Amino acid sequence: MFKNNPNKQTTKRKWRSPAKQKVLALLLAGTAMGLTRSYNKQRWILKQIPKELKNINRLYLYQILHEFHNDRLVDYHEDKNGIITLVLSEKGKKRSLAMDLDAMKIKPPKTWDGKWRLVAFDVPEKKRKIRDAFRDKLKELGFYELHHSLFVFPYPCRDEIDFMVEVLDARPYVIYGEINNLSPDAKLRLHFKLF
């Protein structure tokens, strides 16, 4: 997705931290965390954080939140009592969805239903990054490339394709279909080990 700019690769790697992903996912789910300068209020708030976040060092949690704020992934809202509420920004929502996209896998069913799933796309040159990211993700998921912009897969994947299209903002450029017969059937069955 970020092949040409080495700085973007570093940016992508910096979000691989499980702690950062948990915090961002928690915010995406609509859980707002309040932070205050009062020690007693901080203790009470930290007790409310789900158990999965309790393994994160408190100082590290504050560093993550500060980094999110600097990267404009979260917005702070302070009320009249000095309580600060964190809200995920639009940029933060997109980043969190992109992380979900990075982690996405398609689990094959025990038996194949005999249908082929086709994904075709025609993304304009000016949106090349979207096109390249979409193609790379299809390959990563195990799709077979029939043509430069036509991929095939034997297992149900409609939801995953819809999710990719939404995250990458590629809806107008992608076509999804399911068919029973596809040539070269034997070559595809061999590729996907369906014999």
N, C-alpha and C. Protein backbone atom coordinates (compact mmCIF):
# COMPACT_ATOMS: atom_id res chain seq x y z
N MET A 1 0.82 -1.19 0.00
CA MET A 1 0.00 0.00 0.00
C MET A 1 0.86 1.25 0.00
N PHE A 2 2.01 1.21 0.70
CA PHE A 2 2.87 2.38 0.78
C PHE A 2 4.24 2.04 0.22
N LYS A 3 4.31 1.67 -1.04
CA LYS A 3 5.57 1.20 -1.61
C LYS A 3 6.55 2.31 -1.94
N ASN A 4 6.07 3.44 -2.41
CA ASN A 4 6.96 4.45 -2.95
C ASN A 4 7.57 5.37 -1.91
N ASN A 5 6.92 5.59 -0.80
CA ASN A 5 7.40 6.55 0.18
C ASN A 5 7.85 5.83 1.44
N PRO A 6 9.16 5.76 1.73
CA PRO A 6 9.64 5.05 2.91
C PRO A 6 9.11 5.62 4.21
N ASN A 7 8.82 6.91 4.26
CA ASN A 7 8.26 7.51 5.47
C ASN A 7 6.88 6.95 5.76
N LYS A 8 6.11 6.68 4.72
CA LYS A 8 4.78 6.12 4.92
C LYS A 8 4.87 4.69 5.44
N GLN A 9 5.92 3.93 5.03
CA GLN A 9 6.10 2.60 5.57
C GLN A 9 6.34 2.68 7.08
N THR A 10 7.15 3.63 7.50
CA THR A 10 7.41 3.82 8.92
C THR A 10 6.12 4.17 9.64
N THR A 11 5.31 5.04 9.05
CA THR A 11 4.03 5.41 9.65
C THR A 11 3.16 4.19 9.81
N LYS A 12 3.11 3.34 8.77
CA LYS A 12 2.27 2.15 8.84
C LYS A 12 2.78 1.23 9.94
N ARG A 13 4.11 1.05 10.04
CA ARG A 13 4.67 0.17 11.07
C ARG A 13 4.40 0.68 12.47
N LYS A 14 4.35 2.00 12.63
CA LYS A 14 4.18 2.56 13.97
C LYS A 14 2.80 2.23 14.53
N TRP A 15 1.84 1.84 13.68
CA TRP A 15 0.49 1.49 14.15
C TRP A 15 0.34 -0.01 14.38
N ARG A 16 1.42 -0.79 14.23
CA ARG A 16 1.35 -2.23 14.41
C ARG A 16 1.31 -2.63 15.89
N SER A 17 1.63 -1.71 16.78
CA SER A 17 1.64 -2.02 18.20
C SER A 17 0.27 -2.52 18.64
N PRO A 18 0.22 -3.72 19.27
CA PRO A 18 -1.07 -4.23 19.74
C PRO A 18 -1.76 -3.27 20.71
N ALA A 19 -0.97 -2.61 21.54
CA ALA A 19 -1.56 -1.67 22.50
C ALA A 19 -2.24 -0.52 21.77
N LYS A 20 -1.58 0.02 20.76
CA LYS A 20 -2.17 1.13 20.00
C LYS A 20 -3.42 0.67 19.26
N GLN A 21 -3.37 -0.53 18.72
CA GLN A 21 -4.53 -1.05 18.02
C GLN A 21 -5.70 -1.25 18.97
N LYS A 22 -5.43 -1.74 20.18
CA LYS A 22 -6.51 -1.92 21.16
C LYS A 22 -7.13 -0.59 21.55
N VAL A 23 -6.28 0.40 21.79
CA VAL A 23 -6.79 1.71 22.19
C VAL A 23 -7.62 2.31 21.07
N LEU A 24 -7.12 2.25 19.86
CA LEU A 24 -7.85 2.82 18.73
C LEU A 24 -9.15 2.06 18.48
N ALA A 25 -9.12 0.74 18.61
CA ALA A 25 -10.34 -0.05 18.43
C ALA A 25 -11.36 0.27 19.51
N LEU A 26 -10.89 0.47 20.72
CA LEU A 26 -11.78 0.82 21.82
C LEU A 26 -12.47 2.16 21.54
N LEU A 27 -11.70 3.10 21.05
CA LEU A 27 -12.28 4.40 20.72
C LEU A 27 -13.25 4.29 19.55
N LEU A 28 -12.91 3.47 18.58
CA LEU A 28 -13.79 3.29 17.43
C LEU A 28 -15.12 2.68 17.87
N ALA A 29 -15.08 1.79 18.81
CA ALA A 29 -16.30 1.15 19.29
C ALA A 29 -17.21 2.11 20.03
N GLY A 30 -16.77 3.31 20.21
CA GLY A 30 -17.63 4.32 20.83
C GLY A 30 -17.36 4.52 22.31
N THR A 31 -16.34 3.86 22.82
CA THR A 31 -16.02 4.05 24.23
C THR A 31 -15.16 5.29 24.39
N ALA A 32 -15.65 6.23 25.13
CA ALA A 32 -14.89 7.47 25.35
C ALA A 32 -14.18 7.37 26.69
N MET A 33 -12.95 7.80 26.69
CA MET A 33 -12.20 7.79 27.94
C MET A 33 -12.02 9.23 28.42
N GLY A 34 -12.28 9.42 29.68
CA GLY A 34 -12.10 10.76 30.25
C GLY A 34 -10.80 10.81 31.02
N LEU A 35 -10.05 11.84 30.79
CA LEU A 35 -8.79 12.03 31.52
C LEU A 35 -8.85 13.37 32.24
N THR A 36 -8.35 13.37 33.43
CA THR A 36 -8.36 14.60 34.21
C THR A 36 -7.04 14.75 34.94
N ARG A 37 -6.80 15.93 35.48
CA ARG A 37 -5.56 16.17 36.23
C ARG A 37 -5.65 15.65 37.66
N SER A 38 -6.84 15.39 38.13
CA SER A 38 -7.05 14.90 39.50
C SER A 38 -6.64 13.43 39.59
N TYR A 39 -5.75 13.11 40.54
CA TYR A 39 -5.27 11.74 40.70
C TYR A 39 -6.43 10.79 41.01
N ASN A 40 -7.33 11.17 41.91
CA ASN A 40 -8.45 10.30 42.27
C ASN A 40 -9.36 10.03 41.07
N LYS A 41 -9.61 11.05 40.29
CA LYS A 41 -10.43 10.86 39.09
C LYS A 41 -9.70 9.98 38.07
N GLN A 42 -8.38 10.15 37.95
CA GLN A 42 -7.61 9.31 37.03
C GLN A 42 -7.70 7.85 37.45
N ARG A 43 -7.56 7.58 38.75
CA ARG A 43 -7.66 6.20 39.24
C ARG A 43 -9.03 5.62 38.92
N TRP A 44 -10.08 6.39 39.18
CA TRP A 44 -11.43 5.90 38.92
C TRP A 44 -11.63 5.61 37.43
N ILE A 45 -11.14 6.50 36.57
CA ILE A 45 -11.29 6.32 35.12
C ILE A 45 -10.53 5.09 34.65
N LEU A 46 -9.30 4.92 35.13
CA LEU A 46 -8.51 3.77 34.72
C LEU A 46 -9.13 2.46 35.16
N LYS A 47 -9.87 2.46 36.27
CA LYS A 47 -10.56 1.25 36.72
C LYS A 47 -11.70 0.88 35.77
N GLN A 48 -12.20 1.85 35.05
CA GLN A 48 -13.31 1.61 34.13
C GLN A 48 -12.86 1.05 32.79
N ILE A 49 -11.58 1.15 32.51
CA ILE A 49 -11.06 0.67 31.22
C ILE A 49 -11.14 -0.85 31.19
N PRO A 50 -11.56 -1.42 30.06
CA PRO A 50 -11.68 -2.88 29.95
C PRO A 50 -10.39 -3.60 30.32
N LYS A 51 -10.54 -4.85 30.76
CA LYS A 51 -9.41 -5.65 31.23
C LYS A 51 -8.30 -5.78 30.20
N GLU A 52 -8.65 -5.82 28.93
CA GLU A 52 -7.61 -5.97 27.91
C GLU A 52 -6.65 -4.81 27.88
N LEU A 53 -7.09 -3.66 28.35
CA LEU A 53 -6.21 -2.50 28.37
C LEU A 53 -5.44 -2.37 29.68
N LYS A 54 -5.82 -3.16 30.67
CA LYS A 54 -5.14 -3.05 31.97
C LYS A 54 -3.70 -3.51 31.91
N ASN A 55 -3.36 -4.30 30.90
CA ASN A 55 -1.98 -4.75 30.76
C ASN A 55 -1.07 -3.67 30.20
N ILE A 56 -1.65 -2.59 29.72
CA ILE A 56 -0.87 -1.49 29.17
C ILE A 56 -0.41 -0.60 30.32
N ASN A 57 0.86 -0.32 30.36
CA ASN A 57 1.42 0.59 31.35
C ASN A 57 0.70 1.93 31.26
N ARG A 58 0.34 2.49 32.42
CA ARG A 58 -0.44 3.74 32.46
C ARG A 58 0.28 4.88 31.74
N LEU A 59 1.57 5.00 31.97
CA LEU A 59 2.35 6.05 31.30
C LEU A 59 2.34 5.83 29.79
N TYR A 60 2.47 4.57 29.39
CA TYR A 60 2.45 4.24 27.96
C TYR A 60 1.08 4.57 27.35
N LEU A 61 0.02 4.32 28.10
CA LEU A 61 -1.32 4.66 27.64
C LEU A 61 -1.43 6.16 27.38
N TYR A 62 -0.93 6.97 28.31
CA TYR A 62 -0.96 8.42 28.13
C TYR A 62 -0.12 8.83 26.91
N GLN A 63 1.02 8.16 26.71
CA GLN A 63 1.86 8.47 25.54
C GLN A 63 1.11 8.14 24.24
N ILE A 64 0.42 7.01 24.24
CA ILE A 64 -0.36 6.62 23.06
C ILE A 64 -1.42 7.68 22.77
N LEU A 65 -2.15 8.08 23.81
CA LEU A 65 -3.22 9.06 23.62
C LEU A 65 -2.66 10.40 23.17
N HIS A 66 -1.51 10.78 23.72
CA HIS A 66 -0.87 12.03 23.29
C HIS A 66 -0.46 11.94 21.82
N GLU A 67 0.09 10.79 21.44
CA GLU A 67 0.50 10.58 20.05
C GLU A 67 -0.73 10.61 19.13
N PHE A 68 -1.82 9.99 19.55
CA PHE A 68 -3.06 10.02 18.77
C PHE A 68 -3.53 11.46 18.58
N HIS A 69 -3.43 12.25 19.65
CA HIS A 69 -3.86 13.65 19.56
C HIS A 69 -2.96 14.43 18.60
N ASN A 70 -1.65 14.22 18.70
CA ASN A 70 -0.71 14.91 17.80
C ASN A 70 -0.94 14.51 16.34
N ASP A 71 -1.32 13.26 16.12
CA ASP A 71 -1.58 12.78 14.76
C ASP A 71 -3.02 13.06 14.31
N ARG A 72 -3.76 13.79 15.14
CA ARG A 72 -5.15 14.18 14.86
C ARG A 72 -6.08 12.98 14.70
N LEU A 73 -5.80 11.92 15.45
CA LEU A 73 -6.66 10.75 15.43
C LEU A 73 -7.76 10.87 16.48
N VAL A 74 -7.52 11.68 17.50
CA VAL A 74 -8.53 11.91 18.53
C VAL A 74 -8.66 13.40 18.77
N ASP A 75 -9.84 13.77 19.24
CA ASP A 75 -10.09 15.15 19.65
C ASP A 75 -10.36 15.14 21.15
N TYR A 76 -9.87 16.17 21.83
CA TYR A 76 -10.13 16.34 23.26
C TYR A 76 -11.27 17.34 23.44
N HIS A 77 -12.17 17.02 24.36
CA HIS A 77 -13.23 17.96 24.74
C HIS A 77 -13.20 18.08 26.26
N GLU A 78 -12.97 19.28 26.77
CA GLU A 78 -12.89 19.50 28.21
C GLU A 78 -14.18 20.15 28.69
N ASP A 79 -14.76 19.57 29.76
CA ASP A 79 -15.98 20.18 30.31
C ASP A 79 -15.62 21.18 31.41
N LYS A 80 -16.62 21.79 32.00
CA LYS A 80 -16.37 22.85 32.99
C LYS A 80 -15.72 22.33 34.27
N ASN A 81 -15.78 21.02 34.53
CA ASN A 81 -15.16 20.43 35.72
C ASN A 81 -13.71 20.01 35.47
N GLY A 82 -13.22 20.25 34.28
CA GLY A 82 -11.84 19.89 33.97
C GLY A 82 -11.68 18.47 33.47
N ILE A 83 -12.78 17.76 33.26
CA ILE A 83 -12.71 16.39 32.75
C ILE A 83 -12.57 16.45 31.24
N ILE A 84 -11.57 15.75 30.76
CA ILE A 84 -11.30 15.72 29.32
C ILE A 84 -11.83 14.41 28.76
N THR A 85 -12.62 14.53 27.71
CA THR A 85 -13.16 13.36 27.03
C THR A 85 -12.48 13.22 25.68
N LEU A 86 -12.09 12.01 25.37
CA LEU A 86 -11.46 11.72 24.09
C LEU A 86 -12.51 11.21 23.12
N VAL A 87 -12.50 11.76 21.91
CA VAL A 87 -13.43 11.33 20.87
C VAL A 87 -12.61 11.02 19.62
N LEU A 88 -12.90 9.89 19.01
CA LEU A 88 -12.18 9.52 17.80
C LEU A 88 -12.57 10.45 16.66
N SER A 89 -11.57 11.04 16.01
CA SER A 89 -11.82 11.94 14.87
C SER A 89 -12.13 11.12 13.62
N GLU A 90 -12.53 11.78 12.55
CA GLU A 90 -12.79 11.08 11.28
C GLU A 90 -11.52 10.40 10.79
N LYS A 91 -10.39 11.08 10.92
CA LYS A 91 -9.11 10.49 10.52
C LYS A 91 -8.81 9.25 11.37
N GLY A 92 -9.13 9.32 12.67
CA GLY A 92 -8.92 8.19 13.56
C GLY A 92 -9.80 7.01 13.20
N LYS A 93 -11.04 7.30 12.81
CA LYS A 93 -11.95 6.22 12.40
C LYS A 93 -11.41 5.51 11.16
N LYS A 94 -10.92 6.30 10.21
CA LYS A 94 -10.36 5.70 9.00
C LYS A 94 -9.13 4.87 9.31
N ARG A 95 -8.27 5.37 10.20
CA ARG A 95 -7.06 4.65 10.58
C ARG A 95 -7.42 3.32 11.24
N SER A 96 -8.42 3.35 12.11
CA SER A 96 -8.84 2.14 12.80
C SER A 96 -9.41 1.13 11.81
N LEU A 97 -10.21 1.60 10.88
CA LEU A 97 -10.76 0.71 9.86
C LEU A 97 -9.64 0.13 9.00
N ALA A 98 -8.64 0.93 8.70
CA ALA A 98 -7.51 0.45 7.91
C ALA A 98 -6.77 -0.65 8.65
N MET A 99 -6.66 -0.52 9.98
CA MET A 99 -6.01 -1.57 10.77
C MET A 99 -6.82 -2.84 10.71
N ASP A 100 -8.15 -2.70 10.76
CA ASP A 100 -9.00 -3.88 10.62
C ASP A 100 -8.79 -4.51 9.25
N LEU A 101 -8.62 -3.68 8.24
CA LEU A 101 -8.37 -4.18 6.88
C LEU A 101 -7.05 -4.94 6.84
N ASP A 102 -6.03 -4.42 7.49
CA ASP A 102 -4.73 -5.10 7.52
C ASP A 102 -4.83 -6.47 8.17
N ALA A 103 -5.69 -6.61 9.17
CA ALA A 103 -5.82 -7.86 9.91
C ALA A 103 -6.82 -8.82 9.27
N MET A 104 -7.55 -8.38 8.27
CA MET A 104 -8.63 -9.17 7.68
C MET A 104 -8.12 -10.44 7.01
N LYS A 105 -8.82 -11.53 7.24
CA LYS A 105 -8.55 -12.82 6.61
C LYS A 105 -9.89 -13.40 6.16
N ILE A 106 -9.84 -14.30 5.19
CA ILE A 106 -11.05 -15.01 4.76
C ILE A 106 -10.87 -16.47 5.13
N LYS A 107 -11.73 -16.95 6.00
CA LYS A 107 -11.63 -18.34 6.45
C LYS A 107 -12.41 -19.23 5.49
N PRO A 108 -11.73 -20.18 4.84
CA PRO A 108 -12.45 -21.04 3.90
C PRO A 108 -13.38 -22.01 4.63
N PRO A 109 -14.56 -22.27 4.05
CA PRO A 109 -15.47 -23.24 4.65
C PRO A 109 -14.92 -24.66 4.49
N LYS A 110 -15.50 -25.61 5.20
CA LYS A 110 -15.02 -26.99 5.12
C LYS A 110 -15.23 -27.59 3.73
N THR A 111 -16.35 -27.24 3.11
CA THR A 111 -16.61 -27.73 1.76
C THR A 111 -16.88 -26.57 0.82
N TRP A 112 -16.41 -26.73 -0.40
CA TRP A 112 -16.58 -25.69 -1.42
C TRP A 112 -17.98 -25.80 -2.02
N ASP A 113 -18.65 -24.69 -2.21
CA ASP A 113 -20.02 -24.68 -2.75
C ASP A 113 -20.07 -24.71 -4.27
N GLY A 114 -18.92 -24.78 -4.94
CA GLY A 114 -18.88 -24.89 -6.39
C GLY A 114 -18.98 -23.56 -7.12
N LYS A 115 -19.06 -22.46 -6.41
CA LYS A 115 -19.18 -21.15 -7.04
C LYS A 115 -17.83 -20.43 -7.04
N TRP A 116 -17.63 -19.65 -8.08
CA TRP A 116 -16.45 -18.80 -8.17
C TRP A 116 -16.86 -17.37 -7.90
N ARG A 117 -16.06 -16.67 -7.13
CA ARG A 117 -16.31 -15.25 -6.84
C ARG A 117 -15.36 -14.42 -7.68
N LEU A 118 -15.92 -13.52 -8.45
CA LEU A 118 -15.12 -12.65 -9.32
C LEU A 118 -15.14 -11.23 -8.78
N VAL A 119 -13.98 -10.62 -8.78
CA VAL A 119 -13.85 -9.22 -8.39
C VAL A 119 -13.12 -8.50 -9.52
N ALA A 120 -13.81 -7.53 -10.11
CA ALA A 120 -13.22 -6.73 -11.18
C ALA A 120 -13.19 -5.28 -10.74
N PHE A 121 -12.16 -4.57 -11.16
CA PHE A 121 -12.10 -3.15 -10.79
C PHE A 121 -11.44 -2.35 -11.90
N ASP A 122 -11.87 -1.12 -12.00
CA ASP A 122 -11.33 -0.18 -12.97
C ASP A 122 -11.18 1.17 -12.27
N VAL A 123 -10.08 1.32 -11.56
CA VAL A 123 -9.82 2.52 -10.78
C VAL A 123 -9.00 3.49 -11.64
N PRO A 124 -9.42 4.74 -11.74
CA PRO A 124 -8.69 5.71 -12.58
C PRO A 124 -7.24 5.89 -12.13
N GLU A 125 -6.41 6.27 -13.08
CA GLU A 125 -4.98 6.47 -12.82
C GLU A 125 -4.73 7.48 -11.70
N LYS A 126 -5.56 8.52 -11.63
CA LYS A 126 -5.35 9.53 -10.59
C LYS A 126 -5.61 8.98 -9.18
N LYS A 127 -6.23 7.80 -9.09
CA LYS A 127 -6.46 7.15 -7.80
C LYS A 127 -5.64 5.85 -7.73
N ARG A 128 -4.46 5.92 -8.26
CA ARG A 128 -3.58 4.76 -8.36
C ARG A 128 -3.31 4.09 -7.00
N LYS A 129 -3.15 4.89 -5.94
CA LYS A 129 -2.87 4.32 -4.62
C LYS A 129 -4.02 3.41 -4.17
N ILE A 130 -5.25 3.83 -4.45
CA ILE A 130 -6.41 3.00 -4.11
C ILE A 130 -6.34 1.71 -4.91
N ARG A 131 -6.09 1.82 -6.20
CA ARG A 131 -6.02 0.65 -7.08
C ARG A 131 -4.94 -0.33 -6.61
N ASP A 132 -3.76 0.19 -6.33
CA ASP A 132 -2.66 -0.67 -5.89
C ASP A 132 -2.95 -1.32 -4.55
N ALA A 133 -3.52 -0.55 -3.63
CA ALA A 133 -3.86 -1.11 -2.31
C ALA A 133 -4.92 -2.20 -2.44
N PHE A 134 -5.92 -1.97 -3.29
CA PHE A 134 -6.98 -2.96 -3.49
C PHE A 134 -6.40 -4.24 -4.09
N ARG A 135 -5.58 -4.10 -5.13
CA ARG A 135 -4.97 -5.25 -5.78
C ARG A 135 -4.07 -6.01 -4.80
N ASP A 136 -3.25 -5.29 -4.06
CA ASP A 136 -2.34 -5.93 -3.10
C ASP A 136 -3.11 -6.71 -2.04
N LYS A 137 -4.22 -6.14 -1.56
CA LYS A 137 -5.00 -6.82 -0.52
C LYS A 137 -5.66 -8.08 -1.08
N LEU A 138 -6.16 -8.02 -2.32
CA LEU A 138 -6.74 -9.22 -2.94
C LEU A 138 -5.70 -10.33 -3.03
N LYS A 139 -4.49 -9.98 -3.44
CA LYS A 139 -3.42 -10.98 -3.53
C LYS A 139 -3.08 -11.53 -2.15
N GLU A 140 -3.02 -10.65 -1.17
CA GLU A 140 -2.71 -11.07 0.20
C GLU A 140 -3.77 -12.03 0.73
N LEU A 141 -5.03 -11.82 0.36
CA LEU A 141 -6.12 -12.68 0.81
C LEU A 141 -6.15 -14.02 0.07
N GLY A 142 -5.35 -14.15 -0.99
CA GLY A 142 -5.28 -15.41 -1.72
C GLY A 142 -6.07 -15.46 -3.01
N PHE A 143 -6.57 -14.33 -3.48
CA PHE A 143 -7.29 -14.30 -4.75
C PHE A 143 -6.32 -14.63 -5.89
N TYR A 144 -6.86 -15.26 -6.93
CA TYR A 144 -6.06 -15.59 -8.11
C TYR A 144 -6.28 -14.50 -9.15
N GLU A 145 -5.20 -13.99 -9.69
CA GLU A 145 -5.28 -12.90 -10.67
C GLU A 145 -5.44 -13.48 -12.08
N LEU A 146 -6.68 -13.38 -12.62
CA LEU A 146 -6.93 -13.84 -13.98
C LEU A 146 -6.43 -12.82 -15.00
N HIS A 147 -6.56 -11.58 -14.65
CA HIS A 147 -6.14 -10.46 -15.49
C HIS A 147 -5.69 -9.37 -14.52
N HIS A 148 -5.07 -8.33 -15.02
CA HIS A 148 -4.52 -7.29 -14.15
C HIS A 148 -5.57 -6.69 -13.20
N SER A 149 -6.82 -6.63 -13.64
CA SER A 149 -7.88 -6.05 -12.80
C SER A 149 -9.05 -7.00 -12.61
N LEU A 150 -8.80 -8.31 -12.73
CA LEU A 150 -9.84 -9.32 -12.56
C LEU A 150 -9.29 -10.46 -11.70
N PHE A 151 -9.92 -10.67 -10.56
CA PHE A 151 -9.47 -11.68 -9.61
C PHE A 151 -10.59 -12.68 -9.34
N VAL A 152 -10.20 -13.90 -8.98
CA VAL A 152 -11.17 -14.95 -8.70
C VAL A 152 -10.83 -15.60 -7.36
N PHE A 153 -11.89 -16.07 -6.67
CA PHE A 153 -11.73 -16.72 -5.37
C PHE A 153 -12.85 -17.74 -5.22
N PRO A 154 -12.58 -18.91 -4.62
CA PRO A 154 -13.63 -19.93 -4.55
C PRO A 154 -14.57 -19.85 -3.35
N TYR A 155 -14.28 -19.03 -2.39
CA TYR A 155 -15.06 -19.04 -1.15
C TYR A 155 -15.85 -17.74 -0.95
N PRO A 156 -16.92 -17.80 -0.18
CA PRO A 156 -17.71 -16.59 0.08
C PRO A 156 -16.83 -15.46 0.64
N CYS A 157 -16.96 -14.28 0.04
CA CYS A 157 -16.11 -13.16 0.44
C CYS A 157 -16.80 -11.82 0.21
N ARG A 158 -18.11 -11.84 0.02
CA ARG A 158 -18.84 -10.60 -0.29
C ARG A 158 -18.65 -9.54 0.79
N ASP A 159 -18.79 -9.96 2.06
CA ASP A 159 -18.64 -9.00 3.16
C ASP A 159 -17.25 -8.40 3.20
N GLU A 160 -16.24 -9.22 2.97
CA GLU A 160 -14.87 -8.74 3.00
C GLU A 160 -14.61 -7.75 1.85
N ILE A 161 -15.14 -8.05 0.67
CA ILE A 161 -14.98 -7.14 -0.47
C ILE A 161 -15.70 -5.83 -0.19
N ASP A 162 -16.92 -5.91 0.35
CA ASP A 162 -17.66 -4.69 0.70
C ASP A 162 -16.88 -3.84 1.70
N PHE A 163 -16.28 -4.50 2.69
CA PHE A 163 -15.49 -3.78 3.69
C PHE A 163 -14.28 -3.10 3.04
N MET A 164 -13.57 -3.83 2.18
CA MET A 164 -12.41 -3.25 1.49
C MET A 164 -12.82 -2.04 0.66
N VAL A 165 -13.93 -2.18 -0.05
CA VAL A 165 -14.41 -1.11 -0.91
C VAL A 165 -14.73 0.14 -0.09
N GLU A 166 -15.34 -0.06 1.09
CA GLU A 166 -15.67 1.08 1.95
C GLU A 166 -14.42 1.74 2.52
N VAL A 167 -13.51 0.94 3.04
CA VAL A 167 -12.30 1.48 3.66
C VAL A 167 -11.45 2.23 2.63
N LEU A 168 -11.34 1.66 1.44
CA LEU A 168 -10.49 2.26 0.41
C LEU A 168 -11.24 3.28 -0.45
N ASP A 169 -12.52 3.46 -0.17
CA ASP A 169 -13.34 4.42 -0.91
C ASP A 169 -13.31 4.11 -2.41
N ALA A 170 -13.58 2.83 -2.74
CA ALA A 170 -13.49 2.37 -4.12
C ALA A 170 -14.83 1.88 -4.67
N ARG A 171 -15.93 2.19 -4.03
CA ARG A 171 -17.25 1.68 -4.42
C ARG A 171 -17.56 1.87 -5.92
N PRO A 172 -17.34 3.04 -6.50
CA PRO A 172 -17.72 3.21 -7.91
C PRO A 172 -16.88 2.41 -8.90
N TYR A 173 -15.79 1.84 -8.44
CA TYR A 173 -14.83 1.22 -9.36
C TYR A 173 -14.78 -0.31 -9.28
N VAL A 174 -15.56 -0.91 -8.39
CA VAL A 174 -15.44 -2.35 -8.14
C VAL A 174 -16.74 -3.07 -8.47
N ILE A 175 -16.60 -4.23 -9.13
CA ILE A 175 -17.75 -5.09 -9.44
C ILE A 175 -17.47 -6.45 -8.80
N TYR A 176 -18.49 -7.01 -8.15
CA TYR A 176 -18.39 -8.32 -7.51
C TYR A 176 -19.45 -9.22 -8.12
N GLY A 177 -19.10 -10.48 -8.39
CA GLY A 177 -20.09 -11.41 -8.92
C GLY A 177 -19.76 -12.84 -8.53
N GLU A 178 -20.78 -13.70 -8.60
CA GLU A 178 -20.60 -15.13 -8.32
C GLU A 178 -21.11 -15.91 -9.52
N ILE A 179 -20.32 -16.89 -9.97
CA ILE A 179 -20.73 -17.71 -11.10
C ILE A 179 -20.44 -19.17 -10.80
N ASN A 180 -21.13 -20.07 -11.53
CA ASN A 180 -20.95 -21.50 -11.33
C ASN A 180 -19.87 -22.10 -12.22
N ASN A 181 -19.73 -21.59 -13.42
CA ASN A 181 -18.74 -22.13 -14.36
C ASN A 181 -17.76 -21.05 -14.76
N LEU A 182 -16.50 -21.43 -14.77
CA LEU A 182 -15.46 -20.48 -15.14
C LEU A 182 -14.32 -21.24 -15.80
N SER A 183 -13.91 -20.78 -16.94
CA SER A 183 -12.79 -21.40 -17.61
C SER A 183 -11.56 -20.52 -17.36
N PRO A 184 -10.47 -21.06 -17.00
CA PRO A 184 -10.00 -22.44 -16.93
C PRO A 184 -10.28 -23.08 -15.56
N ASP A 185 -11.36 -23.82 -15.47
CA ASP A 185 -11.81 -24.41 -14.21
C ASP A 185 -10.76 -25.32 -13.58
N ALA A 186 -10.18 -26.22 -14.38
CA ALA A 186 -9.21 -27.18 -13.84
C ALA A 186 -7.98 -26.47 -13.27
N LYS A 187 -7.52 -25.46 -13.98
CA LYS A 187 -6.35 -24.70 -13.52
C LYS A 187 -6.65 -24.01 -12.18
N LEU A 188 -7.85 -23.45 -12.07
CA LEU A 188 -8.23 -22.76 -10.83
C LEU A 188 -8.42 -23.76 -9.69
N ARG A 189 -9.06 -24.89 -9.98
CA ARG A 189 -9.24 -25.92 -8.93
C ARG A 189 -7.88 -26.41 -8.42
N LEU A 190 -6.95 -26.57 -9.33
CA LEU A 190 -5.60 -26.99 -8.95
C LEU A 190 -4.93 -25.92 -8.10
N HIS A 191 -5.05 -24.67 -8.51
CA HIS A 191 -4.44 -23.56 -7.77
C HIS A 191 -4.98 -23.49 -6.33
N PHE A 192 -6.30 -23.64 -6.18
CA PHE A 192 -6.92 -23.54 -4.86
C PHE A 192 -7.02 -24.89 -4.14
N LYS A 193 -6.45 -25.94 -4.74
CA LYS A 193 -6.43 -27.29 -4.14
C LYS A 193 -7.85 -27.77 -3.84
N LEU A 194 -8.70 -27.70 -4.86
CA LEU A 194 -10.10 -28.09 -4.70
C LEU A 194 -10.40 -29.47 -5.27
N PHE A 195 -9.38 -30.28 -5.59
CA PHE A 195 -9.59 -31.63 -6.11
C PHE A 195 -9.68 -32.61 -4.99
